[in-house]
Amino acid sequence: NAALPTATVQFRFPSFSFVSTSADWFIVADGAASVQGTGTVNGIGGYTYRIWAWDARPDRFEIEIFNSAGIFYENGWDSPLKSGSISVK
């Protein structure tokens, strides 16, 4: 029941680190969730992220990180998790 959604998103890859600074919207429905907001890459702002997650067999996850120049990183649509799990409630 918050006026604005809250989310904490962090990804650490060998080539860069992403940390969310805000969430603009968050949707949960039918075993799936999506969230969009802003964040930093290697401590530099100006990035937007979108995440989609599916609680399925196998669990699937997608992230896009982009800035005004376009897509900075995406893991590929409909990627199954290789380890761990997603629980959408």
N, C-alpha and C. Protein backbone atom coordinates (compact mmCIF):
# COMPACT_ATOMS: atom_id res chain seq x y z
N ASN A 1 0.81 -1.21 0.00
CA ASN A 1 0.00 0.00 0.00
C ASN A 1 0.85 1.27 0.00
N ALA A 2 2.09 1.17 -0.41
CA ALA A 2 2.95 2.35 -0.47
C ALA A 2 2.53 3.23 -1.63
N ALA A 3 2.74 4.53 -1.49
CA ALA A 3 2.43 5.47 -2.57
C ALA A 3 3.32 5.20 -3.78
N LEU A 4 4.56 4.85 -3.53
CA LEU A 4 5.50 4.49 -4.59
C LEU A 4 6.10 3.13 -4.26
N PRO A 5 6.39 2.33 -5.26
CA PRO A 5 6.97 1.02 -4.98
C PRO A 5 8.39 1.15 -4.44
N THR A 6 8.82 0.16 -3.69
CA THR A 6 10.20 0.10 -3.24
C THR A 6 10.82 -1.18 -3.76
N ALA A 7 12.06 -1.11 -4.14
CA ALA A 7 12.78 -2.28 -4.62
C ALA A 7 14.27 -2.04 -4.43
N THR A 8 14.98 -3.08 -4.13
CA THR A 8 16.44 -3.02 -4.06
C THR A 8 16.96 -4.03 -5.06
N VAL A 9 17.71 -3.55 -6.03
CA VAL A 9 18.24 -4.40 -7.08
C VAL A 9 19.75 -4.17 -7.15
N GLN A 10 20.51 -5.26 -7.09
CA GLN A 10 21.96 -5.17 -7.24
C GLN A 10 22.43 -6.34 -8.09
N PHE A 11 23.30 -6.03 -9.04
CA PHE A 11 23.93 -7.04 -9.87
C PHE A 11 25.41 -6.73 -9.92
N ARG A 12 26.19 -7.75 -9.74
CA ARG A 12 27.64 -7.58 -9.85
C ARG A 12 28.15 -8.57 -10.89
N PHE A 13 28.72 -8.02 -11.93
CA PHE A 13 29.30 -8.81 -13.00
C PHE A 13 30.80 -8.53 -13.03
N PRO A 14 31.59 -9.36 -13.67
CA PRO A 14 33.03 -9.07 -13.74
C PRO A 14 33.33 -7.71 -14.38
N SER A 15 32.49 -7.25 -15.32
CA SER A 15 32.80 -6.02 -16.05
C SER A 15 32.09 -4.78 -15.51
N PHE A 16 31.03 -4.95 -14.68
CA PHE A 16 30.35 -3.78 -14.12
C PHE A 16 29.47 -4.16 -12.94
N SER A 17 29.09 -3.13 -12.18
CA SER A 17 28.22 -3.29 -11.03
C SER A 17 27.01 -2.39 -11.21
N PHE A 18 25.81 -2.93 -10.99
CA PHE A 18 24.58 -2.14 -11.09
C PHE A 18 23.89 -2.12 -9.74
N VAL A 19 23.44 -0.93 -9.30
CA VAL A 19 22.70 -0.77 -8.05
C VAL A 19 21.51 0.14 -8.32
N SER A 20 20.30 -0.30 -7.93
CA SER A 20 19.12 0.53 -8.14
C SER A 20 19.10 1.68 -7.14
N THR A 21 18.52 2.80 -7.56
CA THR A 21 18.33 3.94 -6.68
C THR A 21 16.86 4.25 -6.46
N SER A 22 15.98 3.75 -7.34
CA SER A 22 14.54 3.94 -7.17
C SER A 22 13.78 2.92 -8.01
N ALA A 23 12.49 2.78 -7.69
CA ALA A 23 11.58 1.95 -8.48
C ALA A 23 10.41 2.83 -8.91
N ASP A 24 10.10 2.80 -10.21
CA ASP A 24 8.99 3.60 -10.74
C ASP A 24 7.67 2.84 -10.66
N TRP A 25 7.70 1.55 -10.98
CA TRP A 25 6.52 0.72 -10.90
C TRP A 25 6.93 -0.72 -10.64
N PHE A 26 5.97 -1.48 -10.09
CA PHE A 26 6.19 -2.87 -9.73
C PHE A 26 4.87 -3.61 -9.91
N ILE A 27 4.87 -4.68 -10.69
CA ILE A 27 3.65 -5.42 -10.98
C ILE A 27 3.87 -6.89 -10.65
N VAL A 28 2.90 -7.50 -9.96
CA VAL A 28 2.93 -8.93 -9.67
C VAL A 28 1.59 -9.50 -10.11
N ALA A 29 1.63 -10.55 -10.94
CA ALA A 29 0.39 -11.19 -11.40
C ALA A 29 0.70 -12.56 -11.97
N ASP A 30 -0.11 -13.53 -11.61
CA ASP A 30 -0.06 -14.87 -12.21
C ASP A 30 1.34 -15.50 -12.20
N GLY A 31 2.04 -15.43 -11.08
CA GLY A 31 3.35 -16.06 -10.98
C GLY A 31 4.46 -15.32 -11.69
N ALA A 32 4.22 -14.08 -12.05
CA ALA A 32 5.25 -13.27 -12.72
C ALA A 32 5.34 -11.91 -12.04
N ALA A 33 6.48 -11.27 -12.17
CA ALA A 33 6.67 -9.94 -11.61
C ALA A 33 7.53 -9.12 -12.57
N SER A 34 7.29 -7.82 -12.58
CA SER A 34 8.15 -6.92 -13.34
C SER A 34 8.30 -5.63 -12.55
N VAL A 35 9.45 -5.02 -12.71
CA VAL A 35 9.76 -3.77 -12.00
C VAL A 35 10.61 -2.91 -12.93
N GLN A 36 10.41 -1.60 -12.83
CA GLN A 36 11.23 -0.65 -13.58
C GLN A 36 11.64 0.47 -12.66
N GLY A 37 12.85 0.96 -12.83
CA GLY A 37 13.34 2.07 -12.02
C GLY A 37 14.64 2.61 -12.57
N THR A 38 15.35 3.34 -11.72
CA THR A 38 16.62 3.94 -12.11
C THR A 38 17.73 3.41 -11.21
N GLY A 39 18.97 3.58 -11.68
CA GLY A 39 20.10 3.11 -10.90
C GLY A 39 21.43 3.60 -11.45
N THR A 40 22.49 3.04 -10.89
CA THR A 40 23.84 3.43 -11.28
C THR A 40 24.61 2.23 -11.82
N VAL A 41 25.52 2.49 -12.73
CA VAL A 41 26.46 1.50 -13.21
C VAL A 41 27.85 1.99 -12.81
N ASN A 42 28.55 1.19 -12.03
CA ASN A 42 29.87 1.56 -11.51
C ASN A 42 29.83 2.92 -10.83
N GLY A 43 28.71 3.21 -10.12
CA GLY A 43 28.58 4.45 -9.37
C GLY A 43 28.14 5.66 -10.17
N ILE A 44 27.89 5.50 -11.46
CA ILE A 44 27.49 6.61 -12.34
C ILE A 44 26.01 6.49 -12.64
N GLY A 45 25.24 7.55 -12.41
CA GLY A 45 23.79 7.54 -12.61
C GLY A 45 23.38 7.68 -14.06
N GLY A 46 22.08 7.79 -14.27
CA GLY A 46 21.54 7.98 -15.61
C GLY A 46 21.11 6.70 -16.28
N TYR A 47 20.94 5.62 -15.52
CA TYR A 47 20.55 4.33 -16.09
C TYR A 47 19.14 3.96 -15.63
N THR A 48 18.40 3.30 -16.50
CA THR A 48 17.09 2.77 -16.20
C THR A 48 17.18 1.25 -16.29
N TYR A 49 16.42 0.56 -15.46
CA TYR A 49 16.40 -0.90 -15.54
C TYR A 49 14.96 -1.39 -15.63
N ARG A 50 14.80 -2.54 -16.26
CA ARG A 50 13.53 -3.28 -16.28
C ARG A 50 13.87 -4.73 -15.99
N ILE A 51 13.09 -5.31 -15.11
CA ILE A 51 13.29 -6.72 -14.75
C ILE A 51 11.96 -7.45 -14.89
N TRP A 52 12.02 -8.64 -15.47
CA TRP A 52 10.88 -9.54 -15.54
C TRP A 52 11.32 -10.85 -14.89
N ALA A 53 10.47 -11.43 -14.06
CA ALA A 53 10.79 -12.70 -13.41
C ALA A 53 9.55 -13.58 -13.44
N TRP A 54 9.76 -14.88 -13.68
CA TRP A 54 8.67 -15.84 -13.76
C TRP A 54 8.95 -16.98 -12.80
N ASP A 55 7.99 -17.28 -11.95
CA ASP A 55 8.05 -18.42 -11.05
C ASP A 55 7.47 -19.60 -11.83
N ALA A 56 8.32 -20.37 -12.46
CA ALA A 56 7.88 -21.41 -13.40
C ALA A 56 8.84 -22.59 -13.32
N ARG A 57 8.73 -23.50 -14.25
CA ARG A 57 9.64 -24.64 -14.34
C ARG A 57 10.32 -24.63 -15.68
N PRO A 58 11.54 -24.18 -15.85
CA PRO A 58 12.38 -23.59 -14.81
C PRO A 58 12.02 -22.12 -14.58
N ASP A 59 12.45 -21.57 -13.42
CA ASP A 59 12.29 -20.14 -13.18
C ASP A 59 13.06 -19.38 -14.26
N ARG A 60 12.49 -18.24 -14.66
CA ARG A 60 13.12 -17.44 -15.72
C ARG A 60 13.26 -16.00 -15.26
N PHE A 61 14.24 -15.31 -15.84
CA PHE A 61 14.59 -13.98 -15.40
C PHE A 61 15.15 -13.19 -16.58
N GLU A 62 14.73 -11.94 -16.69
CA GLU A 62 15.31 -11.05 -17.71
C GLU A 62 15.57 -9.69 -17.09
N ILE A 63 16.69 -9.10 -17.46
CA ILE A 63 17.00 -7.73 -17.05
C ILE A 63 17.51 -6.95 -18.25
N GLU A 64 17.08 -5.70 -18.35
CA GLU A 64 17.61 -4.75 -19.32
C GLU A 64 18.07 -3.53 -18.53
N ILE A 65 19.26 -3.05 -18.83
CA ILE A 65 19.78 -1.81 -18.26
C ILE A 65 20.10 -0.92 -19.44
N PHE A 66 19.57 0.31 -19.43
CA PHE A 66 19.80 1.19 -20.57
C PHE A 66 19.94 2.64 -20.11
N ASN A 67 20.49 3.45 -21.01
CA ASN A 67 20.62 4.89 -20.77
C ASN A 67 20.15 5.61 -22.03
N SER A 68 20.42 6.89 -22.13
CA SER A 68 19.93 7.66 -23.28
C SER A 68 20.52 7.18 -24.61
N ALA A 69 21.65 6.49 -24.57
CA ALA A 69 22.27 5.98 -25.80
C ALA A 69 21.66 4.65 -26.24
N GLY A 70 20.87 4.01 -25.38
CA GLY A 70 20.26 2.74 -25.73
C GLY A 70 20.55 1.68 -24.70
N ILE A 71 20.44 0.42 -25.11
CA ILE A 71 20.62 -0.69 -24.18
C ILE A 71 22.10 -0.84 -23.84
N PHE A 72 22.38 -0.83 -22.54
CA PHE A 72 23.74 -1.02 -22.03
C PHE A 72 24.01 -2.51 -21.79
N TYR A 73 23.00 -3.20 -21.24
CA TYR A 73 23.14 -4.62 -20.95
C TYR A 73 21.77 -5.29 -21.00
N GLU A 74 21.71 -6.49 -21.53
CA GLU A 74 20.53 -7.34 -21.39
C GLU A 74 20.99 -8.79 -21.41
N ASN A 75 20.34 -9.61 -20.59
CA ASN A 75 20.76 -11.00 -20.49
C ASN A 75 20.07 -11.91 -21.49
N GLY A 76 19.14 -11.38 -22.25
CA GLY A 76 18.45 -12.22 -23.22
C GLY A 76 17.06 -12.55 -22.75
N TRP A 77 16.13 -12.49 -23.62
CA TRP A 77 14.73 -12.71 -23.29
C TRP A 77 14.50 -14.13 -22.81
N ASP A 78 13.73 -14.26 -21.74
CA ASP A 78 13.25 -15.57 -21.30
C ASP A 78 14.39 -16.51 -20.90
N SER A 79 15.37 -15.99 -20.15
CA SER A 79 16.52 -16.79 -19.73
C SER A 79 16.20 -17.64 -18.51
N PRO A 80 16.39 -18.97 -18.58
CA PRO A 80 16.18 -19.79 -17.39
C PRO A 80 17.31 -19.58 -16.39
N LEU A 81 16.98 -19.65 -15.10
CA LEU A 81 18.02 -19.55 -14.07
C LEU A 81 18.86 -20.81 -14.08
N LYS A 82 20.17 -20.63 -13.92
CA LYS A 82 21.07 -21.79 -13.84
C LYS A 82 21.22 -22.26 -12.40
N SER A 83 20.99 -21.35 -11.43
CA SER A 83 21.00 -21.72 -10.03
C SER A 83 20.12 -20.74 -9.28
N GLY A 84 19.77 -21.10 -8.05
CA GLY A 84 18.88 -20.26 -7.27
C GLY A 84 17.43 -20.46 -7.68
N SER A 85 16.55 -19.58 -7.18
CA SER A 85 15.14 -19.71 -7.53
C SER A 85 14.44 -18.36 -7.41
N ILE A 86 13.27 -18.27 -8.01
CA ILE A 86 12.44 -17.07 -7.96
C ILE A 86 11.12 -17.47 -7.31
N SER A 87 10.67 -16.67 -6.38
CA SER A 87 9.36 -16.87 -5.77
C SER A 87 8.57 -15.59 -5.91
N VAL A 88 7.48 -15.63 -6.66
CA VAL A 88 6.63 -14.45 -6.88
C VAL A 88 5.35 -14.65 -6.09
N LYS A 89 5.02 -13.70 -5.21
CA LYS A 89 3.82 -13.82 -4.37
C LYS A 89 2.99 -12.56 -4.47
